[in-house]
């Protein structure tokens, strides 16, 4: 699919998140310190119209500095304007335990589970897991394999072989945090950026990764308003006017999260060396692929998008049946659209491989974000593959 060149428009960067995140587990104190140091700065934010799928209005949740919702905070309605203090900060949020740290991975027709560091064992050999010591006990002796099912010659500086009933350390994730940008509206009271549609009268964007800034020729700008790059989850404002999206719009977002609504909006982009960019003023541009939400709603890419497979995957046909064809781990695949298998009581989601009548299984369709930006950023825990850009 050829991407259509879209008219350039002026966009101005007004602020970005200040703290540097080197370790998600340690960012809470750094974020709080930033807020305390900047309490004299303030502005206004406009909140989204927070509604459920029936169109009924919902209050906007308020969080503390740990990212936990304050249930007894005064009611705040959507589509209202509030003062905020300091710069937006990134808080690590709540800690969540992964329900199943050993999701099965199909390799060459057999089920395996990951040990967390590129080592895999056959699922049938898995015994019990002790979450306190984070150790695994196997029910039978087991060889260790790589992501493509090939037996390893060595593993963790020893033999790639684990004896039954011997505690073996699991080094994969057993829990995770949800770092996101927040605006402070009071003492230890924050509004998540995903509930904000405007800041100081301007539309806002949030980023899905650390993002460099470029000039109109695609050359990286080393010093842009005192910054060499913008951080993942950062919030930037833009003077780009929101306009109605059309069928040719490459990027778009819904005007609200009501299921029956089809009204979409878009921003202008500039094509630089074959890629789409958003202008951020003063001659600076950021890659459109690095923007995950716009005005509190998910920014969709019309497609196609490209993903890198973290593990070997089986190809499915148009009837959602497995074929004998497989794609190896590390393969880059271009995907053109999402497909739902609604024949099951729990609908499942597949992605069509661009230019082919072939599909890749992703997971439970109910876990895939649809419109509002208030989704779990780690929605793809245990799913077949992850991606930064959403596509319908």
Protein backbone atom coordinates (compact mmCIF):
# COMPACT_ATOMS: atom_id res chain seq x y z
CA UNK A 1 0.00 0.00 0.00
CA UNK A 2 1.42 3.37 -1.04
CA UNK A 3 1.21 6.07 1.61
CA UNK A 4 -0.36 9.27 0.33
CA UNK A 5 1.52 12.53 0.96
CA UNK A 6 -0.43 14.78 3.29
CA UNK A 7 -0.26 18.57 3.49
CA UNK A 8 2.19 19.94 6.05
CA UNK A 9 0.87 22.07 8.87
CA UNK A 10 2.54 23.95 11.69
CA UNK A 11 2.85 22.25 15.06
CA UNK A 12 4.55 23.65 18.17
CA UNK A 13 6.15 21.71 21.02
CA UNK A 14 5.45 23.31 24.37
CA UNK A 15 6.72 20.73 26.86
CA UNK A 16 7.84 17.17 27.37
CA UNK A 17 8.24 14.92 30.37
CA UNK A 18 11.41 15.78 32.27
CA UNK A 19 12.52 12.70 34.29
CA UNK A 20 14.87 10.21 32.64
CA UNK A 21 13.64 6.66 33.11
CA UNK A 22 16.48 4.20 33.41
CA UNK A 23 14.62 1.68 35.53
CA UNK A 24 10.85 1.47 35.77
CA UNK A 25 11.06 0.20 39.34
CA UNK A 26 12.90 3.34 40.46
CA UNK A 27 11.06 6.14 38.69
CA UNK A 28 8.48 6.92 41.35
CA UNK A 29 10.80 8.92 43.62
CA UNK A 30 12.34 10.77 40.67
CA UNK A 31 8.90 11.73 39.38
CA UNK A 32 7.73 12.95 42.78
CA UNK A 33 10.88 15.06 43.19
CA UNK A 34 10.20 16.67 39.83
CA UNK A 35 6.68 17.64 40.89
CA UNK A 36 7.85 19.19 44.17
CA UNK A 37 10.51 21.21 42.38
CA UNK A 38 8.06 22.72 39.90
CA UNK A 39 4.91 23.51 41.91
CA UNK A 40 5.02 27.17 40.85
CA UNK A 41 4.42 26.19 37.23
CA UNK A 42 0.82 25.66 36.26
CA UNK A 43 -1.53 25.56 33.33
CA UNK A 44 -4.90 24.15 32.36
CA UNK A 45 -5.94 20.80 30.98
CA UNK A 46 -9.22 19.87 29.34
CA UNK A 47 -10.50 16.38 30.10
CA UNK A 48 -11.97 13.93 27.60
CA UNK A 49 -15.65 13.10 27.47
CA UNK A 50 -15.44 9.91 29.49
CA UNK A 51 -18.39 7.74 28.47
CA UNK A 52 -19.16 4.05 28.40
CA UNK A 53 -20.22 2.17 25.29
CA UNK A 54 -23.87 3.11 25.82
CA UNK A 55 -23.04 6.81 25.87
CA UNK A 56 -23.49 7.26 29.63
CA UNK A 57 -21.10 9.74 31.26
CA UNK A 58 -18.46 8.42 33.64
CA UNK A 59 -16.38 10.42 36.16
CA UNK A 60 -12.65 10.91 35.54
CA UNK A 61 -10.54 8.82 37.97
CA UNK A 62 -7.90 10.50 40.15
CA UNK A 63 -4.68 8.74 41.18
CA UNK A 64 -2.01 9.13 43.86
CA UNK A 65 1.75 9.27 43.24
CA UNK A 66 1.87 5.46 43.13
CA UNK A 67 -0.60 5.36 40.26
CA UNK A 68 -3.35 3.93 42.48
CA UNK A 69 -6.86 5.29 42.07
CA UNK A 70 -8.18 7.44 44.91
CA UNK A 71 -11.72 6.15 45.27
CA UNK A 72 -12.94 8.78 47.73
CA UNK A 73 -11.70 11.81 45.79
CA UNK A 74 -14.30 14.41 44.85
CA UNK A 75 -16.15 13.64 41.62
CA UNK A 76 -14.61 15.11 38.47
CA UNK A 77 -16.72 15.13 35.33
CA UNK A 78 -15.37 14.69 31.83
CA UNK A 79 -15.20 17.53 29.30
CA UNK A 80 -14.20 19.98 32.05
CA UNK A 81 -11.11 22.15 32.53
CA UNK A 82 -8.75 21.89 35.52
CA UNK A 83 -5.56 23.59 36.69
CA UNK A 84 -2.43 21.46 36.85
CA UNK A 85 0.86 22.08 38.64
CA UNK A 86 4.41 21.49 37.46
CA UNK A 87 5.31 19.56 34.35
CA UNK A 88 3.65 16.25 33.47
CA UNK A 89 5.54 13.40 35.16
CA UNK A 90 5.86 9.70 34.47
CA UNK A 91 4.85 7.53 37.41
CA UNK A 92 5.47 3.80 37.43
CA UNK A 93 1.92 3.04 38.55
CA UNK A 94 0.62 -0.02 40.34
CA UNK A 95 2.31 -3.39 40.48
CA UNK A 96 0.44 -6.18 38.72
CA UNK A 97 1.15 -9.89 39.02
CA UNK A 98 1.16 -11.89 35.82
CA UNK A 99 -1.51 -14.57 36.20
CA UNK A 100 0.33 -17.10 34.08
CA UNK A 101 4.08 -16.48 33.73
CA UNK A 102 4.35 -19.64 31.60
CA UNK A 103 2.09 -19.20 28.56
CA UNK A 104 2.57 -22.10 26.13
CA UNK A 105 4.57 -21.41 22.98
CA UNK A 106 4.06 -23.71 20.00
CA UNK A 107 7.34 -24.66 18.33
CA UNK A 108 7.40 -27.22 15.53
CA UNK A 109 3.99 -28.50 16.60
CA UNK A 110 4.90 -28.99 20.29
CA UNK A 111 4.17 -26.79 23.30
CA UNK A 112 7.07 -25.21 25.18
CA UNK A 113 7.37 -22.66 27.99
CA UNK A 114 10.01 -19.98 28.42
CA UNK A 115 12.42 -19.86 31.37
CA UNK A 116 12.76 -16.12 30.85
CA UNK A 117 16.21 -15.86 29.23
CA UNK A 118 15.95 -17.41 25.76
CA UNK A 119 15.74 -20.91 27.17
CA UNK A 120 12.69 -23.13 26.62
CA UNK A 121 11.55 -26.47 28.01
CA UNK A 122 8.72 -28.70 26.88
CA UNK A 123 5.50 -27.76 28.63
CA UNK A 124 4.77 -31.33 29.70
CA UNK A 125 7.95 -31.27 31.82
CA UNK A 126 6.85 -28.21 33.81
CA UNK A 127 5.92 -28.92 37.42
CA UNK A 128 5.29 -26.28 40.10
CA UNK A 129 6.35 -22.66 40.43
CA UNK A 130 7.16 -21.01 43.76
CA UNK A 131 6.42 -17.24 43.39
CA UNK A 132 8.28 -16.38 46.62
CA UNK A 133 11.59 -17.92 45.55
CA UNK A 134 10.78 -17.62 41.83
CA UNK A 135 11.95 -21.17 41.26
CA UNK A 136 10.58 -23.90 39.03
CA UNK A 137 10.43 -27.60 39.77
CA UNK A 138 10.17 -30.01 36.84
CA UNK A 139 8.27 -33.31 36.88
CA UNK A 140 10.86 -35.00 34.65
CA UNK A 141 14.36 -34.42 33.34
CA UNK A 142 14.38 -31.84 30.59
CA UNK A 143 16.66 -30.52 27.88
CA UNK A 144 16.70 -26.77 27.20
CA UNK A 145 15.91 -25.46 23.72
CA UNK A 146 16.12 -22.15 21.87
CA UNK A 147 13.14 -20.17 20.53
CA UNK A 148 13.12 -22.27 17.32
CA UNK A 149 13.10 -25.62 19.15
CA UNK A 150 16.78 -26.43 18.64
CA UNK A 151 18.48 -28.08 21.61
CA UNK A 152 21.07 -25.79 23.20
CA UNK A 153 24.62 -27.02 23.74
CA UNK A 154 25.01 -25.02 26.96
CA UNK A 155 22.76 -22.94 29.19
CA UNK A 156 23.59 -20.56 32.04
CA UNK A 157 27.27 -21.53 31.97
CA UNK A 158 26.46 -25.20 32.29
CA UNK A 159 24.77 -28.10 30.55
CA UNK A 160 21.48 -27.38 28.81
CA UNK A 161 19.82 -30.02 30.93
CA UNK A 162 17.67 -29.72 34.07
CA UNK A 163 17.06 -32.64 36.41
CA UNK A 164 13.58 -33.40 37.70
CA UNK A 165 12.51 -32.04 41.11
CA UNK A 166 15.56 -29.77 41.31
CA UNK A 167 14.57 -26.13 42.03
CA UNK A 168 15.53 -24.05 39.01
CA UNK A 169 15.42 -20.27 38.99
CA UNK A 170 12.90 -18.62 36.68
CA UNK A 171 14.17 -15.23 35.44
CA UNK A 172 11.17 -14.10 33.40
CA UNK A 173 8.62 -11.52 34.45
CA UNK A 174 6.23 -12.41 37.26
CA UNK A 175 4.90 -8.87 37.66
CA UNK A 176 4.89 -5.55 35.85
CA UNK A 177 4.13 -1.86 36.27
CA UNK A 178 2.23 0.52 34.04
CA UNK A 179 4.33 3.68 33.68
CA UNK A 180 2.32 6.54 32.23
CA UNK A 181 2.31 10.33 32.16
CA UNK A 182 0.24 12.18 34.77
CA UNK A 183 -0.74 15.78 35.52
CA UNK A 184 -0.75 16.89 39.15
CA UNK A 185 -4.02 18.65 40.06
CA UNK A 186 -3.55 18.81 43.84
CA UNK A 187 -1.66 17.40 46.81
CA UNK A 188 -0.83 13.80 45.84
CA UNK A 189 -3.64 13.89 43.26
CA UNK A 190 -3.02 13.18 39.59
CA UNK A 191 -4.97 12.86 36.35
CA UNK A 192 -3.61 10.32 33.89
CA UNK A 193 -2.65 11.88 30.54
CA UNK A 194 -4.88 9.39 28.73
CA UNK A 195 -7.89 11.29 30.15
CA UNK A 196 -6.65 14.63 28.82
CA UNK A 197 -7.66 16.00 25.42
CA UNK A 198 -5.98 19.42 25.56
CA UNK A 199 -3.27 21.22 27.50
CA UNK A 200 -3.29 25.01 27.59
CA UNK A 201 -5.74 25.01 24.69
CA UNK A 202 -3.62 22.75 22.46
CA UNK A 203 -4.05 19.14 21.40
CA UNK A 204 -1.74 16.59 23.01
CA UNK A 205 0.13 13.52 21.81
CA UNK A 206 1.81 10.79 23.86
CA UNK A 207 4.78 8.74 22.72
CA UNK A 208 5.20 4.97 22.54
CA UNK A 209 9.00 4.99 22.69
CA UNK A 210 12.02 7.22 23.24
CA UNK A 211 11.83 9.59 20.30
CA UNK A 212 14.48 11.62 18.50
CA UNK A 213 13.68 14.93 16.83
CA UNK A 214 14.54 15.56 13.18
CA UNK A 215 14.67 18.48 10.77
CA UNK A 216 12.76 18.66 7.48
CA UNK A 217 15.52 16.67 5.74
CA UNK A 218 15.41 13.81 8.23
CA UNK A 219 18.62 14.79 10.01
CA UNK A 220 18.58 14.28 13.77
CA UNK A 221 18.55 17.49 15.84
CA UNK A 222 20.92 17.06 18.78
CA UNK A 223 19.66 20.02 20.79
CA UNK A 224 15.98 20.89 20.46
CA UNK A 225 14.78 23.26 23.18
CA UNK A 226 17.48 21.80 25.44
CA UNK A 227 16.58 18.16 24.72
CA UNK A 228 18.24 15.53 22.56
CA UNK A 229 15.22 13.24 22.63
CA UNK A 230 11.75 12.88 24.08
CA UNK A 231 11.09 10.00 26.44
CA UNK A 232 8.65 7.14 26.14
CA UNK A 233 5.23 8.08 27.61
CA UNK A 234 6.12 11.77 27.20
CA UNK A 235 3.37 14.27 26.48
CA UNK A 236 3.80 16.93 23.78
CA UNK A 237 1.34 19.57 22.67
CA UNK A 238 0.64 20.54 19.09
CA UNK A 239 -1.05 23.49 17.42
CA UNK A 240 -2.07 21.27 14.54
CA UNK A 241 -5.80 21.70 14.10
CA UNK A 242 -7.92 18.58 14.43
CA UNK A 243 -9.87 17.84 11.29
CA UNK A 244 -12.26 15.14 10.15
CA UNK A 245 -10.55 12.01 8.89
CA UNK A 246 -11.35 10.63 5.45
CA UNK A 247 -10.96 7.19 3.92
CA UNK A 248 -7.48 8.19 2.74
CA UNK A 249 -6.24 9.34 6.16
CA UNK A 250 -3.26 7.20 7.15
CA UNK A 251 -3.54 8.10 10.86
CA UNK A 252 -6.79 8.73 12.71
CA UNK A 253 -8.45 8.60 16.11
CA UNK A 254 -12.07 8.39 17.20
CA UNK A 255 -13.86 11.44 18.56
CA UNK A 256 -15.27 9.41 21.46
CA UNK A 257 -15.27 5.86 22.79
CA UNK A 258 -18.96 5.16 22.17
CA UNK A 259 -19.15 1.88 20.28
CA UNK A 260 -21.78 3.10 17.80
CA UNK A 261 -19.75 6.17 16.81
CA UNK A 262 -17.79 6.13 13.55
CA UNK A 263 -16.67 9.78 13.66
CA UNK A 264 -12.89 10.02 13.29
CA UNK A 265 -10.35 12.83 13.41
CA UNK A 266 -6.82 13.24 12.09
CA UNK A 267 -3.76 15.50 12.01
CA UNK A 268 -1.55 16.46 9.07
CA UNK A 269 1.80 14.74 8.51
CA UNK A 270 4.92 15.35 6.42
CA UNK A 271 6.67 12.70 4.35
CA UNK A 272 10.44 12.57 4.98
CA UNK A 273 12.51 9.84 3.31
CA UNK A 274 9.43 7.69 2.85
CA UNK A 275 8.23 7.96 6.46
CA UNK A 276 5.45 10.03 8.01
CA UNK A 277 6.35 12.69 10.58
CA UNK A 278 4.45 15.11 12.79
CA UNK A 279 5.86 18.64 12.93
CA UNK A 280 6.52 20.01 16.43
CA UNK A 281 7.49 23.56 15.61
CA UNK A 282 10.82 25.39 15.29
CA UNK A 283 11.74 23.12 12.38
CA UNK A 284 11.42 19.91 14.42
CA UNK A 285 9.65 16.67 13.47
CA UNK A 286 8.97 13.35 15.19
CA UNK A 287 8.08 10.05 13.54
CA UNK A 288 4.33 9.44 13.41
CA UNK A 289 5.04 5.80 14.24
CA UNK A 290 6.24 6.93 17.68
CA UNK A 291 2.91 8.51 18.62
CA UNK A 292 0.50 6.19 20.37
CA UNK A 293 -2.38 8.45 21.42
CA UNK A 294 -3.91 11.73 20.33
CA UNK A 295 -6.23 13.83 22.48
CA UNK A 296 -6.80 10.96 24.89
CA UNK A 297 -7.71 8.47 22.16
CA UNK A 298 -5.69 5.72 20.45
CA UNK A 299 -3.98 6.83 17.23
CA UNK A 300 -4.67 4.17 14.62
CA UNK A 301 -2.53 3.51 11.55
CA UNK A 302 -4.51 2.58 8.46
CA UNK A 303 -1.79 0.06 7.73
CA UNK A 304 0.15 -1.84 6.79
CA UNK A 305 2.39 -2.07 9.83
CA UNK A 306 5.49 -4.20 10.37
CA UNK A 307 6.17 -6.36 13.42
CA UNK A 308 9.12 -8.53 14.44
CA UNK A 309 8.10 -11.95 15.72
CA UNK A 310 9.53 -12.78 19.16
CA UNK A 311 9.00 -16.49 18.62
CA UNK A 312 8.15 -19.01 15.93
CA UNK A 313 4.54 -18.72 14.76
CA UNK A 314 2.26 -20.92 12.69
CA UNK A 315 0.46 -19.45 9.68
CA UNK A 316 -3.35 -19.82 9.57
CA UNK A 317 -5.66 -19.86 6.55
CA UNK A 318 -8.73 -17.65 6.03
CA UNK A 319 -10.88 -20.14 7.98
CA UNK A 320 -8.59 -19.83 11.01
CA UNK A 321 -7.16 -23.30 10.56
CA UNK A 322 -3.47 -24.02 11.13
CA UNK A 323 -1.34 -24.72 8.07
CA UNK A 324 2.01 -26.49 7.85
CA UNK A 325 3.76 -23.17 7.19
CA UNK A 326 5.66 -21.45 9.97
CA UNK A 327 7.58 -18.20 10.45
CA UNK A 328 10.77 -18.26 12.52
CA UNK A 329 11.51 -16.04 15.49
CA UNK A 330 12.99 -12.70 14.43
CA UNK A 331 11.09 -12.60 11.14
CA UNK A 332 9.73 -9.19 10.15
CA UNK A 333 6.17 -9.42 8.88
CA UNK A 334 4.03 -6.77 7.21
CA UNK A 335 0.42 -6.87 8.45
CA UNK A 336 -2.50 -5.22 6.66
CA UNK A 337 -5.56 -5.54 8.92
CA UNK A 338 -7.18 -7.27 11.88
CA UNK A 339 -9.57 -10.19 11.52
CA UNK A 340 -11.89 -11.53 14.23
CA UNK A 341 -12.97 -15.12 14.68
CA UNK A 342 -16.45 -14.64 16.17
CA UNK A 343 -17.42 -18.32 15.90
CA UNK A 344 -16.22 -18.86 19.48
CA UNK A 345 -17.88 -17.66 22.68
CA UNK A 346 -14.63 -15.78 23.35
CA UNK A 347 -13.72 -14.07 20.01
CA UNK A 348 -10.10 -14.36 18.94
CA UNK A 349 -7.96 -11.90 17.00
CA UNK A 350 -5.86 -12.56 13.91
CA UNK A 351 -3.76 -10.31 11.66
CA UNK A 352 -3.72 -10.65 7.90
CA UNK A 353 -0.28 -10.88 6.29
CA UNK A 354 -0.08 -8.13 3.68
CA UNK A 355 -0.56 -9.33 0.10
CA UNK A 356 -1.37 -12.91 1.11
CA UNK A 357 -4.41 -14.88 2.17
CA UNK A 358 -2.55 -15.87 5.34
CA UNK A 359 -3.06 -14.93 8.98
CA UNK A 360 -1.19 -14.84 12.27
CA UNK A 361 -2.94 -15.54 15.54
CA UNK A 362 -2.58 -12.81 18.18
CA UNK A 363 -4.85 -13.72 21.10
CA UNK A 364 -8.08 -12.86 22.89
CA UNK A 365 -9.85 -10.11 20.92
CA UNK A 366 -11.20 -8.63 24.13
CA UNK A 367 -7.65 -7.66 25.19
CA UNK A 368 -6.99 -5.57 22.08
CA UNK A 369 -7.54 -1.81 22.62
CA UNK A 370 -10.26 -0.29 20.50
CA UNK A 371 -10.71 3.47 20.96
CA UNK A 372 -10.04 5.13 24.29
CA UNK A 373 -6.44 5.44 25.44
CA UNK A 374 -7.29 4.06 28.89
CA UNK A 375 -5.97 0.60 28.10
CA UNK A 376 -3.38 -1.53 29.82
CA UNK A 377 -0.08 -0.69 28.04
CA UNK A 378 1.03 -4.26 28.79
CA UNK A 379 -2.07 -5.66 27.09
CA UNK A 380 0.15 -7.98 25.05
CA UNK A 381 1.61 -9.91 27.99
CA UNK A 382 1.69 -13.50 26.80
CA UNK A 383 0.32 -12.75 23.34
CA UNK A 384 1.89 -13.83 20.08
CA UNK A 385 3.57 -10.52 19.25
CA UNK A 386 3.56 -6.88 20.27
CA UNK A 387 3.65 -3.65 18.31
CA UNK A 388 3.79 0.08 18.90
CA UNK A 389 1.17 1.06 16.35
CA UNK A 390 -2.46 0.03 16.48
CA UNK A 391 -4.42 -1.01 13.42
CA UNK A 392 -8.05 -1.95 12.88
